[in-house]
Amino acid sequence: YGVNINIGDYVNFSEVYKGEKGALDMDYYVLRDNLEKAKTHFKDA
């Protein structure tokens, strides 16, 4: 049930988190119009 398909007009931004096992890639895919607000709001991640 964890396997998924997500299709849209996505744009991406990312960061590298320094975690307990080293570098963790954290990627964010959002609709094109929501990019700027996502960059602020997804700081909870």
PDB file of all heavy atoms in Angstrom:
ATOM      1  N   TYR A   1       0.816  -1.207   0.000  1.00  0.00           N
ATOM      2  CA  TYR A   1       0.000   0.000   0.000  1.00  0.00           C
ATOM      3  C   TYR A   1       0.853   1.262   0.000  1.00  0.00           C
ATOM      4  O   TYR A   1       0.371   2.355  -0.298  1.00  0.00           O
ATOM      5  CB  TYR A   1      -1.003  -0.009   1.166  1.00  0.00           C
ATOM      6  CG  TYR A   1      -0.522   0.508   2.503  1.00  0.00           C
ATOM      7  CD1 TYR A   1      -0.539   1.877   2.779  1.00  0.00           C
ATOM      8  CD2 TYR A   1      -0.093  -0.353   3.502  1.00  0.00           C
ATOM      9  CE1 TYR A   1      -0.132   2.365   4.019  1.00  0.00           C
ATOM     10  CE2 TYR A   1       0.320   0.121   4.735  1.00  0.00           C
ATOM     11  CZ  TYR A   1       0.293   1.479   4.981  1.00  0.00           C
ATOM     12  OH  TYR A   1       0.704   1.954   6.205  1.00  0.00           O
ATOM     13  N   GLY A   2       2.149   1.102   0.323  1.00  0.00           N
ATOM     14  CA  GLY A   2       3.056   2.239   0.277  1.00  0.00           C
ATOM     15  C   GLY A   2       3.528   2.600  -1.106  1.00  0.00           C
ATOM     16  O   GLY A   2       4.124   3.661  -1.318  1.00  0.00           O
ATOM     17  N   VAL A   3       3.275   1.753  -2.081  1.00  0.00           N
ATOM     18  CA  VAL A   3       3.681   2.007  -3.471  1.00  0.00           C
ATOM     19  C   VAL A   3       2.713   3.005  -4.090  1.00  0.00           C
ATOM     20  O   VAL A   3       1.497   2.839  -4.007  1.00  0.00           O
ATOM     21  CB  VAL A   3       3.689   0.691  -4.278  1.00  0.00           C
ATOM     22  CG1 VAL A   3       3.994   0.955  -5.744  1.00  0.00           C
ATOM     23  CG2 VAL A   3       4.690  -0.293  -3.669  1.00  0.00           C
ATOM     24  N   ASN A   4       3.259   4.045  -4.736  1.00  0.00           N
ATOM     25  CA  ASN A   4       2.337   5.060  -5.266  1.00  0.00           C
ATOM     26  C   ASN A   4       2.787   5.673  -6.587  1.00  0.00           C
ATOM     27  O   ASN A   4       3.958   5.615  -6.960  1.00  0.00           O
ATOM     28  CB  ASN A   4       2.067   6.155  -4.225  1.00  0.00           C
ATOM     29  CG  ASN A   4       3.255   7.058  -3.945  1.00  0.00           C
ATOM     30  OD1 ASN A   4       4.393   6.743  -4.269  1.00  0.00           O
ATOM     31  ND2 ASN A   4       2.991   8.190  -3.327  1.00  0.00           N
ATOM     32  N   ILE A   5       1.801   6.233  -7.262  1.00  0.00           N
ATOM     33  CA  ILE A   5       1.987   7.026  -8.480  1.00  0.00           C
ATOM     34  C   ILE A   5       1.467   8.426  -8.177  1.00  0.00           C
ATOM     35  O   ILE A   5       0.371   8.578  -7.635  1.00  0.00           O
ATOM     36  CB  ILE A   5       1.202   6.419  -9.661  1.00  0.00           C
ATOM     37  CG1 ILE A   5       1.881   5.148 -10.172  1.00  0.00           C
ATOM     38  CG2 ILE A   5       1.043   7.423 -10.789  1.00  0.00           C
ATOM     39  CD1 ILE A   5       1.106   4.457 -11.285  1.00  0.00           C
ATOM     40  N   ASN A   6       2.243   9.440  -8.517  1.00  0.00           N
ATOM     41  CA  ASN A   6       1.813  10.830  -8.387  1.00  0.00           C
ATOM     42  C   ASN A   6       2.194  11.551  -9.673  1.00  0.00           C
ATOM     43  O   ASN A   6       3.377  11.599 -10.031  1.00  0.00           O
ATOM     44  CB  ASN A   6       2.496  11.500  -7.199  1.00  0.00           C
ATOM     45  CG  ASN A   6       2.301  10.719  -5.906  1.00  0.00           C
ATOM     46  OD1 ASN A   6       1.203  10.651  -5.378  1.00  0.00           O
ATOM     47  ND2 ASN A   6       3.368  10.109  -5.409  1.00  0.00           N
ATOM     48  N   ILE A   7       1.206  12.093 -10.349  1.00  0.00           N
ATOM     49  CA  ILE A   7       1.434  12.691 -11.670  1.00  0.00           C
ATOM     50  C   ILE A   7       0.933  14.123 -11.663  1.00  0.00           C
ATOM     51  O   ILE A   7      -0.189  14.402 -11.224  1.00  0.00           O
ATOM     52  CB  ILE A   7       0.701  11.883 -12.765  1.00  0.00           C
ATOM     53  CG1 ILE A   7       1.209  10.433 -12.793  1.00  0.00           C
ATOM     54  CG2 ILE A   7       0.871  12.538 -14.135  1.00  0.00           C
ATOM     55  CD1 ILE A   7       0.362   9.507 -13.640  1.00  0.00           C
ATOM     56  N   GLY A   8       1.771  15.028 -12.144  1.00  0.00           N
ATOM     57  CA  GLY A   8       1.351  16.421 -12.212  1.00  0.00           C
ATOM     58  C   GLY A   8       2.388  17.289 -12.890  1.00  0.00           C
ATOM     59  O   GLY A   8       3.443  16.816 -13.342  1.00  0.00           O
ATOM     60  N   ASP A   9       2.115  18.585 -12.915  1.00  0.00           N
ATOM     61  CA  ASP A   9       3.053  19.568 -13.443  1.00  0.00           C
ATOM     62  C   ASP A   9       3.966  19.979 -12.296  1.00  0.00           C
ATOM     63  O   ASP A   9       3.870  21.082 -11.754  1.00  0.00           O
ATOM     64  CB  ASP A   9       2.280  20.766 -14.005  1.00  0.00           C
ATOM     65  CG  ASP A   9       3.190  21.822 -14.608  1.00  0.00           C
ATOM     66  OD1 ASP A   9       4.346  21.481 -14.948  1.00  0.00           O
ATOM     67  OD2 ASP A   9       2.758  22.987 -14.713  1.00  0.00           O
ATOM     68  N   TYR A  10       4.853  19.061 -11.924  1.00  0.00           N
ATOM     69  CA  TYR A  10       5.663  19.234 -10.729  1.00  0.00           C
ATOM     70  C   TYR A  10       6.940  20.036 -10.985  1.00  0.00           C
ATOM     71  O   TYR A  10       7.538  19.968 -12.060  1.00  0.00           O
ATOM     72  CB  TYR A  10       6.077  17.869 -10.164  1.00  0.00           C
ATOM     73  CG  TYR A  10       4.972  17.110  -9.464  1.00  0.00           C
ATOM     74  CD1 TYR A  10       4.563  15.859  -9.930  1.00  0.00           C
ATOM     75  CD2 TYR A  10       4.360  17.616  -8.321  1.00  0.00           C
ATOM     76  CE1 TYR A  10       3.568  15.139  -9.274  1.00  0.00           C
ATOM     77  CE2 TYR A  10       3.372  16.904  -7.662  1.00  0.00           C
ATOM     78  CZ  TYR A  10       2.978  15.673  -8.146  1.00  0.00           C
ATOM     79  OH  TYR A  10       1.990  14.964  -7.500  1.00  0.00           O
ATOM     80  N   VAL A  11       7.346  20.772  -9.958  1.00  0.00           N
ATOM     81  CA  VAL A  11       8.684  21.340  -9.892  1.00  0.00           C
ATOM     82  C   VAL A  11       9.315  20.836  -8.602  1.00  0.00           C
ATOM     83  O   VAL A  11       8.619  20.411  -7.666  1.00  0.00           O
ATOM     84  CB  VAL A  11       8.658  22.884  -9.923  1.00  0.00           C
ATOM     85  CG1 VAL A  11       8.231  23.377 -11.293  1.00  0.00           C
ATOM     86  CG2 VAL A  11       7.735  23.453  -8.845  1.00  0.00           C
ATOM     87  N   ASN A  12      10.632  20.894  -8.556  1.00  0.00           N
ATOM     88  CA  ASN A  12      11.364  20.254  -7.459  1.00  0.00           C
ATOM     89  C   ASN A  12      12.321  21.234  -6.785  1.00  0.00           C
ATOM     90  O   ASN A  12      12.922  22.078  -7.441  1.00  0.00           O
ATOM     91  CB  ASN A  12      12.147  19.044  -8.020  1.00  0.00           C
ATOM     92  CG  ASN A  12      13.193  18.533  -7.052  1.00  0.00           C
ATOM     93  OD1 ASN A  12      14.377  18.717  -7.267  1.00  0.00           O
ATOM     94  ND2 ASN A  12      12.761  17.890  -5.988  1.00  0.00           N
ATOM     95  N   PHE A  13      12.429  21.110  -5.479  1.00  0.00           N
ATOM     96  CA  PHE A  13      13.546  21.709  -4.760  1.00  0.00           C
ATOM     97  C   PHE A  13      13.987  20.699  -3.707  1.00  0.00           C
ATOM     98  O   PHE A  13      13.251  19.758  -3.379  1.00  0.00           O
ATOM     99  CB  PHE A  13      13.189  23.075  -4.149  1.00  0.00           C
ATOM    100  CG  PHE A  13      12.147  23.053  -3.065  1.00  0.00           C
ATOM    101  CD1 PHE A  13      12.503  23.125  -1.722  1.00  0.00           C
ATOM    102  CD2 PHE A  13      10.786  22.978  -3.367  1.00  0.00           C
ATOM    103  CE1 PHE A  13      11.546  23.136  -0.718  1.00  0.00           C
ATOM    104  CE2 PHE A  13       9.821  22.979  -2.377  1.00  0.00           C
ATOM    105  CZ  PHE A  13      10.203  23.055  -1.038  1.00  0.00           C
ATOM    106  N   SER A  14      15.185  20.867  -3.200  1.00  0.00           N
ATOM    107  CA  SER A  14      15.724  19.820  -2.328  1.00  0.00           C
ATOM    108  C   SER A  14      16.724  20.398  -1.340  1.00  0.00           C
ATOM    109  O   SER A  14      17.139  21.560  -1.430  1.00  0.00           O
ATOM    110  CB  SER A  14      16.390  18.732  -3.171  1.00  0.00           C
ATOM    111  OG  SER A  14      17.507  19.264  -3.873  1.00  0.00           O
ATOM    112  N   GLU A  15      17.108  19.565  -0.386  1.00  0.00           N
ATOM    113  CA  GLU A  15      18.150  19.899   0.573  1.00  0.00           C
ATOM    114  C   GLU A  15      18.785  18.605   1.048  1.00  0.00           C
ATOM    115  O   GLU A  15      18.253  17.510   0.830  1.00  0.00           O
ATOM    116  CB  GLU A  15      17.572  20.685   1.758  1.00  0.00           C
ATOM    117  CG  GLU A  15      16.516  19.928   2.551  1.00  0.00           C
ATOM    118  CD  GLU A  15      15.881  20.794   3.647  1.00  0.00           C
ATOM    119  OE1 GLU A  15      16.625  21.452   4.387  1.00  0.00           O
ATOM    120  OE2 GLU A  15      14.633  20.800   3.732  1.00  0.00           O
ATOM    121  N   VAL A  16      19.922  18.709   1.686  1.00  0.00           N
ATOM    122  CA  VAL A  16      20.593  17.548   2.262  1.00  0.00           C
ATOM    123  C   VAL A  16      20.594  17.718   3.778  1.00  0.00           C
ATOM    124  O   VAL A  16      21.085  18.723   4.305  1.00  0.00           O
ATOM    125  CB  VAL A  16      22.034  17.390   1.740  1.00  0.00           C
ATOM    126  CG1 VAL A  16      22.719  16.214   2.426  1.00  0.00           C
ATOM    127  CG2 VAL A  16      22.033  17.195   0.222  1.00  0.00           C
ATOM    128  N   TYR A  17      20.012  16.755   4.445  1.00  0.00           N
ATOM    129  CA  TYR A  17      19.913  16.787   5.909  1.00  0.00           C
ATOM    130  C   TYR A  17      21.043  15.948   6.503  1.00  0.00           C
ATOM    131  O   TYR A  17      21.281  14.807   6.072  1.00  0.00           O
ATOM    132  CB  TYR A  17      18.559  16.245   6.358  1.00  0.00           C
ATOM    133  CG  TYR A  17      18.399  16.166   7.850  1.00  0.00           C
ATOM    134  CD1 TYR A  17      18.126  17.302   8.597  1.00  0.00           C
ATOM    135  CD2 TYR A  17      18.539  14.952   8.525  1.00  0.00           C
ATOM    136  CE1 TYR A  17      17.997  17.245   9.974  1.00  0.00           C
ATOM    137  CE2 TYR A  17      18.408  14.882   9.896  1.00  0.00           C
ATOM    138  CZ  TYR A  17      18.144  16.032  10.621  1.00  0.00           C
ATOM    139  OH  TYR A  17      18.020  15.962  11.988  1.00  0.00           O
ATOM    140  N   LYS A  18      21.745  16.479   7.471  1.00  0.00           N
ATOM    141  CA  LYS A  18      22.814  15.746   8.137  1.00  0.00           C
ATOM    142  C   LYS A  18      22.215  14.966   9.297  1.00  0.00           C
ATOM    143  O   LYS A  18      21.988  15.499  10.378  1.00  0.00           O
ATOM    144  CB  LYS A  18      23.898  16.715   8.620  1.00  0.00           C
ATOM    145  CG  LYS A  18      24.630  17.414   7.482  1.00  0.00           C
ATOM    146  CD  LYS A  18      25.707  18.361   7.996  1.00  0.00           C
ATOM    147  CE  LYS A  18      26.423  19.049   6.840  1.00  0.00           C
ATOM    148  NZ  LYS A  18      27.467  20.000   7.328  1.00  0.00           N
ATOM    149  N   GLY A  19      21.929  13.711   9.038  1.00  0.00           N
ATOM    150  CA  GLY A  19      21.227  12.881  10.000  1.00  0.00           C
ATOM    151  C   GLY A  19      22.128  11.908  10.728  1.00  0.00           C
ATOM    152  O   GLY A  19      23.355  11.934  10.598  1.00  0.00           O
ATOM    153  N   GLU A  20      21.503  11.007  11.482  1.00  0.00           N
ATOM    154  CA  GLU A  20      22.259  10.058  12.299  1.00  0.00           C
ATOM    155  C   GLU A  20      23.073   9.075  11.468  1.00  0.00           C
ATOM    156  O   GLU A  20      24.073   8.536  11.933  1.00  0.00           O
ATOM    157  CB  GLU A  20      21.301   9.288  13.226  1.00  0.00           C
ATOM    158  CG  GLU A  20      20.729  10.135  14.349  1.00  0.00           C
ATOM    159  CD  GLU A  20      20.077   9.310  15.449  1.00  0.00           C
ATOM    160  OE1 GLU A  20      20.279   8.074  15.488  1.00  0.00           O
ATOM    161  OE2 GLU A  20      19.360   9.892  16.277  1.00  0.00           O
ATOM    162  N   LYS A  21      22.653   8.822  10.234  1.00  0.00           N
ATOM    163  CA  LYS A  21      23.391   7.899   9.371  1.00  0.00           C
ATOM    164  C   LYS A  21      24.139   8.632   8.260  1.00  0.00           C
ATOM    165  O   LYS A  21      24.557   8.026   7.288  1.00  0.00           O
ATOM    166  CB  LYS A  21      22.435   6.859   8.771  1.00  0.00           C
ATOM    167  CG  LYS A  21      21.913   5.855   9.785  1.00  0.00           C
ATOM    168  CD  LYS A  21      20.934   4.869   9.166  1.00  0.00           C
ATOM    169  CE  LYS A  21      21.576   3.955   8.164  1.00  0.00           C
ATOM    170  NZ  LYS A  21      20.631   2.932   7.655  1.00  0.00           N
ATOM    171  N   GLY A  22      24.263   9.944   8.390  1.00  0.00           N
ATOM    172  CA  GLY A  22      24.992  10.702   7.380  1.00  0.00           C
ATOM    173  C   GLY A  22      24.084  11.622   6.586  1.00  0.00           C
ATOM    174  O   GLY A  22      23.096  12.145   7.102  1.00  0.00           O
ATOM    175  N   ALA A  23      24.424  11.804   5.319  1.00  0.00           N
ATOM    176  CA  ALA A  23      23.686  12.724   4.451  1.00  0.00           C
ATOM    177  C   ALA A  23      22.399  12.070   3.952  1.00  0.00           C
ATOM    178  O   ALA A  23      22.424  10.981   3.382  1.00  0.00           O
ATOM    179  CB  ALA A  23      24.545  13.146   3.268  1.00  0.00           C
ATOM    180  N   LEU A  24      21.281  12.753   4.182  1.00  0.00           N
ATOM    181  CA  LEU A  24      19.976  12.272   3.721  1.00  0.00           C
ATOM    182  C   LEU A  24      19.412  13.263   2.716  1.00  0.00           C
ATOM    183  O   LEU A  24      19.224  14.440   3.030  1.00  0.00           O
ATOM    184  CB  LEU A  24      19.008  12.121   4.896  1.00  0.00           C
ATOM    185  CG  LEU A  24      17.553  11.814   4.545  1.00  0.00           C
ATOM    186  CD1 LEU A  24      17.437  10.466   3.838  1.00  0.00           C
ATOM    187  CD2 LEU A  24      16.667  11.847   5.779  1.00  0.00           C
ATOM    188  N   ASP A  25      19.159  12.789   1.513  1.00  0.00           N
ATOM    189  CA  ASP A  25      18.529  13.635   0.497  1.00  0.00           C
ATOM    190  C   ASP A  25      17.058  13.820   0.823  1.00  0.00           C
ATOM    191  O   ASP A  25      16.326  12.845   1.006  1.00  0.00           O
ATOM    192  CB  ASP A  25      18.664  13.003  -0.893  1.00  0.00           C
ATOM    193  CG  ASP A  25      20.105  12.956  -1.368  1.00  0.00           C
ATOM    194  OD1 ASP A  25      20.836  13.928  -1.104  1.00  0.00           O
ATOM    195  OD2 ASP A  25      20.502  11.943  -1.982  1.00  0.00           O
ATOM    196  N   MET A  26      16.619  15.077   0.894  1.00  0.00           N
ATOM    197  CA  MET A  26      15.213  15.404   1.131  1.00  0.00           C
ATOM    198  C   MET A  26      14.715  16.215  -0.065  1.00  0.00           C
ATOM    199  O   MET A  26      15.180  17.329  -0.307  1.00  0.00           O
ATOM    200  CB  MET A  26      15.047  16.173   2.442  1.00  0.00           C
ATOM    201  CG  MET A  26      15.508  15.392   3.659  1.00  0.00           C
ATOM    202  SD  MET A  26      15.211  16.240   5.244  1.00  0.00           S
ATOM    203  CE  MET A  26      13.422  16.140   5.369  1.00  0.00           C
ATOM    204  N   ASP A  27      13.805  15.608  -0.818  1.00  0.00           N
ATOM    205  CA  ASP A  27      13.299  16.218  -2.050  1.00  0.00           C
ATOM    206  C   ASP A  27      11.838  16.589  -1.900  1.00  0.00           C
ATOM    207  O   ASP A  27      11.054  15.848  -1.296  1.00  0.00           O
ATOM    208  CB  ASP A  27      13.454  15.251  -3.222  1.00  0.00           C
ATOM    209  CG  ASP A  27      14.816  15.359  -3.875  1.00  0.00           C
ATOM    210  OD1 ASP A  27      15.001  16.275  -4.698  1.00  0.00           O
ATOM    211  OD2 ASP A  27      15.689  14.533  -3.549  1.00  0.00           O
ATOM    212  N   TYR A  28      11.471  17.709  -2.507  1.00  0.00           N
ATOM    213  CA  TYR A  28      10.101  18.211  -2.430  1.00  0.00           C
ATOM    214  C   TYR A  28       9.573  18.446  -3.843  1.00  0.00           C
ATOM    215  O   TYR A  28      10.218  19.145  -4.644  1.00  0.00           O
ATOM    216  CB  TYR A  28      10.066  19.503  -1.612  1.00  0.00           C
ATOM    217  CG  TYR A  28      10.802  19.373  -0.296  1.00  0.00           C
ATOM    218  CD1 TYR A  28      12.074  19.928  -0.126  1.00  0.00           C
ATOM    219  CD2 TYR A  28      10.248  18.670   0.773  1.00  0.00           C
ATOM    220  CE1 TYR A  28      12.762  19.801   1.072  1.00  0.00           C
ATOM    221  CE2 TYR A  28      10.926  18.533   1.978  1.00  0.00           C
ATOM    222  CZ  TYR A  28      12.188  19.098   2.111  1.00  0.00           C
ATOM    223  OH  TYR A  28      12.871  18.952   3.305  1.00  0.00           O
ATOM    224  N   TYR A  29       8.437  17.839  -4.147  1.00  0.00           N
ATOM    225  CA  TYR A  29       7.802  17.986  -5.457  1.00  0.00           C
ATOM    226  C   TYR A  29       6.430  18.617  -5.250  1.00  0.00           C
ATOM    227  O   TYR A  29       5.566  18.041  -4.590  1.00  0.00           O
ATOM    228  CB  TYR A  29       7.662  16.624  -6.130  1.00  0.00           C
ATOM    229  CG  TYR A  29       8.985  16.018  -6.544  1.00  0.00           C
ATOM    230  CD1 TYR A  29       9.711  15.210  -5.661  1.00  0.00           C
ATOM    231  CD2 TYR A  29       9.518  16.249  -7.809  1.00  0.00           C
ATOM    232  CE1 TYR A  29      10.935  14.657  -6.028  1.00  0.00           C
ATOM    233  CE2 TYR A  29      10.740  15.690  -8.193  1.00  0.00           C
ATOM    234  CZ  TYR A  29      11.442  14.904  -7.296  1.00  0.00           C
ATOM    235  OH  TYR A  29      12.647  14.350  -7.655  1.00  0.00           O
ATOM    236  N   VAL A  30       6.255  19.804  -5.844  1.00  0.00           N
ATOM    237  CA  VAL A  30       5.007  20.551  -5.665  1.00  0.00           C
ATOM    238  C   VAL A  30       4.534  21.081  -7.014  1.00  0.00           C
ATOM    239  O   VAL A  30       5.302  21.156  -7.981  1.00  0.00           O
ATOM    240  CB  VAL A  30       5.202  21.726  -4.677  1.00  0.00           C
ATOM    241  CG1 VAL A  30       5.636  21.204  -3.319  1.00  0.00           C
ATOM    242  CG2 VAL A  30       6.219  22.733  -5.213  1.00  0.00           C
ATOM    243  N   LEU A  31       3.265  21.442  -7.068  1.00  0.00           N
ATOM    244  CA  LEU A  31       2.752  22.052  -8.285  1.00  0.00           C
ATOM    245  C   LEU A  31       3.481  23.362  -8.555  1.00  0.00           C
ATOM    246  O   LEU A  31       3.859  24.091  -7.632  1.00  0.00           O
ATOM    247  CB  LEU A  31       1.252  22.296  -8.165  1.00  0.00           C
ATOM    248  CG  LEU A  31       0.364  21.044  -8.111  1.00  0.00           C
ATOM    249  CD1 LEU A  31      -1.100  21.449  -8.001  1.00  0.00           C
ATOM    250  CD2 LEU A  31       0.589  20.141  -9.325  1.00  0.00           C
ATOM    251  N   ARG A  32       3.651  23.648  -9.821  1.00  0.00           N
ATOM    252  CA  ARG A  32       4.455  24.791 -10.248  1.00  0.00           C
ATOM    253  C   ARG A  32       4.051  26.089  -9.543  1.00  0.00           C
ATOM    254  O   ARG A  32       4.908  26.860  -9.103  1.00  0.00           O
ATOM    255  CB  ARG A  32       4.326  24.947 -11.769  1.00  0.00           C
ATOM    256  CG  ARG A  32       5.241  25.967 -12.400  1.00  0.00           C
ATOM    257  CD  ARG A  32       5.175  25.884 -13.916  1.00  0.00           C
ATOM    258  NE  ARG A  32       5.536  24.551 -14.382  1.00  0.00           N
ATOM    259  CZ  ARG A  32       6.787  24.125 -14.574  1.00  0.00           C
ATOM    260  NH1 ARG A  32       7.795  24.951 -14.322  1.00  0.00           N
ATOM    261  NH2 ARG A  32       7.031  22.914 -15.022  1.00  0.00           N
ATOM    262  N   ASP A  33       2.756  26.315  -9.398  1.00  0.00           N
ATOM    263  CA  ASP A  33       2.285  27.570  -8.807  1.00  0.00           C
ATOM    264  C   ASP A  33       2.556  27.670  -7.310  1.00  0.00           C
ATOM    265  O   ASP A  33       2.438  28.757  -6.727  1.00  0.00           O
ATOM    266  CB  ASP A  33       0.781  27.743  -9.052  1.00  0.00           C
ATOM    267  CG  ASP A  33       0.448  28.011 -10.511  1.00  0.00           C
ATOM    268  OD1 ASP A  33       1.397  28.211 -11.315  1.00  0.00           O
ATOM    269  OD2 ASP A  33      -0.748  28.008 -10.855  1.00  0.00           O
ATOM    270  N   ASN A  34       2.897  26.548  -6.668  1.00  0.00           N
ATOM    271  CA  ASN A  34       3.046  26.530  -5.206  1.00  0.00           C
ATOM    272  C   ASN A  34       4.499  26.504  -4.744  1.00  0.00           C
ATOM    273  O   ASN A  34       4.763  26.336  -3.541  1.00  0.00           O
ATOM    274  CB  ASN A  34       2.307  25.324  -4.618  1.00  0.00           C
ATOM    275  CG  ASN A  34       0.817  25.412  -4.829  1.00  0.00           C
ATOM    276  OD1 ASN A  34       0.260  26.509  -4.914  1.00  0.00           O
ATOM    277  ND2 ASN A  34       0.157  24.268  -4.926  1.00  0.00           N
ATOM    278  N   LEU A  35       5.432  26.702  -5.677  1.00  0.00           N
ATOM    279  CA  LEU A  35       6.847  26.533  -5.345  1.00  0.00           C
ATOM    280  C   LEU A  35       7.310  27.456  -4.221  1.00  0.00           C
ATOM    281  O   LEU A  35       7.926  26.996  -3.254  1.00  0.00           O
ATOM    282  CB  LEU A  35       7.709  26.764  -6.595  1.00  0.00           C
ATOM    283  CG  LEU A  35       9.224  26.678  -6.388  1.00  0.00           C
ATOM    284  CD1 LEU A  35       9.608  25.296  -5.876  1.00  0.00           C
ATOM    285  CD2 LEU A  35       9.962  27.002  -7.692  1.00  0.00           C
ATOM    286  N   GLU A  36       7.014  28.719  -4.305  1.00  0.00           N
ATOM    287  CA  GLU A  36       7.557  29.657  -3.329  1.00  0.00           C
ATOM    288  C   GLU A  36       6.982  29.441  -1.934  1.00  0.00           C
ATOM    289  O   GLU A  36       7.698  29.465  -0.931  1.00  0.00           O
ATOM    290  CB  GLU A  36       7.319  31.102  -3.793  1.00  0.00           C
ATOM    291  CG  GLU A  36       8.116  31.465  -5.032  1.00  0.00           C
ATOM    292  CD  GLU A  36       9.606  31.143  -4.907  1.00  0.00           C
ATOM    293  OE1 GLU A  36      10.194  31.469  -3.841  1.00  0.00           O
ATOM    294  OE2 GLU A  36      10.175  30.555  -5.849  1.00  0.00           O
ATOM    295  N   LYS A  37       5.670  29.216  -1.841  1.00  0.00           N
ATOM    296  CA  LYS A  37       5.115  28.989  -0.507  1.00  0.00           C
ATOM    297  C   LYS A  37       5.569  27.656   0.071  1.00  0.00           C
ATOM    298  O   LYS A  37       5.748  27.523   1.286  1.00  0.00           O
ATOM    299  CB  LYS A  37       3.591  29.099  -0.510  1.00  0.00           C
ATOM    300  CG  LYS A  37       2.830  28.079  -1.290  1.00  0.00           C
ATOM    301  CD  LYS A  37       1.334  28.274  -1.025  1.00  0.00           C
ATOM    302  CE  LYS A  37       0.497  28.074  -2.257  1.00  0.00           C
ATOM    303  NZ  LYS A  37      -0.940  28.326  -1.996  1.00  0.00           N
ATOM    304  N   ALA A  38       5.804  26.660  -0.794  1.00  0.00           N
ATOM    305  CA  ALA A  38       6.292  25.373  -0.316  1.00  0.00           C
ATOM    306  C   ALA A  38       7.694  25.507   0.274  1.00  0.00           C
ATOM    307  O   ALA A  38       8.021  24.857   1.274  1.00  0.00           O
ATOM    308  CB  ALA A  38       6.290  24.353  -1.444  1.00  0.00           C
ATOM    309  N   LYS A  39       8.528  26.353  -0.314  1.00  0.00           N
ATOM    310  CA  LYS A  39       9.886  26.523   0.188  1.00  0.00           C
ATOM    311  C   LYS A  39       9.877  27.030   1.627  1.00  0.00           C
ATOM    312  O   LYS A  39      10.763  26.707   2.414  1.00  0.00           O
ATOM    313  CB  LYS A  39      10.659  27.491  -0.712  1.00  0.00           C
ATOM    314  CG  LYS A  39      11.092  26.883  -2.034  1.00  0.00           C
ATOM    315  CD  LYS A  39      11.882  27.885  -2.866  1.00  0.00           C
ATOM    316  CE  LYS A  39      12.373  27.256  -4.173  1.00  0.00           C
ATOM    317  NZ  LYS A  39      13.126  28.244  -5.000  1.00  0.00           N
ATOM    318  N   THR A  40       8.886  27.818   1.960  1.00  0.00           N
ATOM    319  CA  THR A  40       8.752  28.302   3.338  1.00  0.00           C
ATOM    320  C   THR A  40       8.038  27.282   4.214  1.00  0.00           C
ATOM    321  O   THR A  40       8.504  26.926   5.306  1.00  0.00           O
ATOM    322  CB  THR A  40       7.988  29.636   3.360  1.00  0.00           C
ATOM    323  OG1 THR A  40       8.717  30.608   2.612  1.00  0.00           O
ATOM    324  CG2 THR A  40       7.798  30.127   4.786  1.00  0.00           C
ATOM    325  N   HIS A  41       6.921  26.776   3.724  1.00  0.00           N
ATOM    326  CA  HIS A  41       6.064  25.926   4.559  1.00  0.00           C
ATOM    327  C   HIS A  41       6.709  24.576   4.862  1.00  0.00           C
ATOM    328  O   HIS A  41       6.499  24.017   5.950  1.00  0.00           O
ATOM    329  CB  HIS A  41       4.720  25.714   3.866  1.00  0.00           C
ATOM    330  CG  HIS A  41       3.672  25.166   4.765  1.00  0.00           C
ATOM    331  ND1 HIS A  41       3.023  25.921   5.719  1.00  0.00           N
ATOM    332  CD2 HIS A  41       3.172  23.907   4.897  1.00  0.00           C
ATOM    333  CE1 HIS A  41       2.153  25.168   6.372  1.00  0.00           C
ATOM    334  NE2 HIS A  41       2.239  23.944   5.898  1.00  0.00           N
ATOM    335  N   PHE A  42       7.463  24.033   3.947  1.00  0.00           N
ATOM    336  CA  PHE A  42       8.030  22.699   4.134  1.00  0.00           C
ATOM    337  C   PHE A  42       9.237  22.689   5.063  1.00  0.00           C
ATOM    338  O   PHE A  42       9.902  21.652   5.220  1.00  0.00           O
ATOM    339  CB  PHE A  42       8.393  22.082   2.791  1.00  0.00           C
ATOM    340  CG  PHE A  42       7.203  21.548   2.019  1.00  0.00           C
ATOM    341  CD1 PHE A  42       5.907  21.734   2.476  1.00  0.00           C
ATOM    342  CD2 PHE A  42       7.379  20.858   0.823  1.00  0.00           C
ATOM    343  CE1 PHE A  42       4.817  21.259   1.764  1.00  0.00           C
ATOM    344  CE2 PHE A  42       6.290  20.371   0.113  1.00  0.00           C
ATOM    345  CZ  PHE A  42       5.003  20.571   0.578  1.00  0.00           C
ATOM    346  N   LYS A  43       9.520  23.809   5.736  1.00  0.00           N
ATOM    347  CA  LYS A  43      10.587  23.810   6.728  1.00  0.00           C
ATOM    348  C   LYS A  43      10.252  22.901   7.913  1.00  0.00           C
ATOM    349  O   LYS A  43      11.132  22.558   8.705  1.00  0.00           O
ATOM    350  CB  LYS A  43      10.866  25.237   7.198  1.00  0.00           C
ATOM    351  CG  LYS A  43      11.555  26.085   6.127  1.00  0.00           C
ATOM    352  CD  LYS A  43      11.806  27.510   6.599  1.00  0.00           C
ATOM    353  CE  LYS A  43      12.490  28.323   5.498  1.00  0.00           C
ATOM    354  NZ  LYS A  43      12.723  29.736   5.907  1.00  0.00           N
ATOM    355  N   ASP A  44       8.981  22.528   8.032  1.00  0.00           N
ATOM    356  CA  ASP A  44       8.609  21.548   9.059  1.00  0.00           C
ATOM    357  C   ASP A  44       9.240  20.185   8.797  1.00  0.00           C
ATOM    358  O   ASP A  44       9.374  19.373   9.727  1.00  0.00           O
ATOM    359  CB  ASP A  44       7.084  21.386   9.123  1.00  0.00           C
ATOM    360  CG  ASP A  44       6.439  22.299  10.160  1.00  0.00           C
ATOM    361  OD1 ASP A  44       7.169  23.063  10.817  1.00  0.00           O
ATOM    362  OD2 ASP A  44       5.201  22.254  10.310  1.00  0.00           O
ATOM    363  N   ALA A  45       9.610  19.893   7.539  1.00  0.00           N
ATOM    364  CA  ALA A  45      10.139  18.564   7.210  1.00  0.00           C
ATOM    365  C   ALA A  45      11.495  18.297   7.867  1.00  0.00           C
ATOM    366  O   ALA A  45      11.666  17.273   8.548  1.00  0.00           O
ATOM    367  CB  ALA A  45      10.199  18.375   5.695  1.00  0.00           C
TER     368      ALA A  45
END
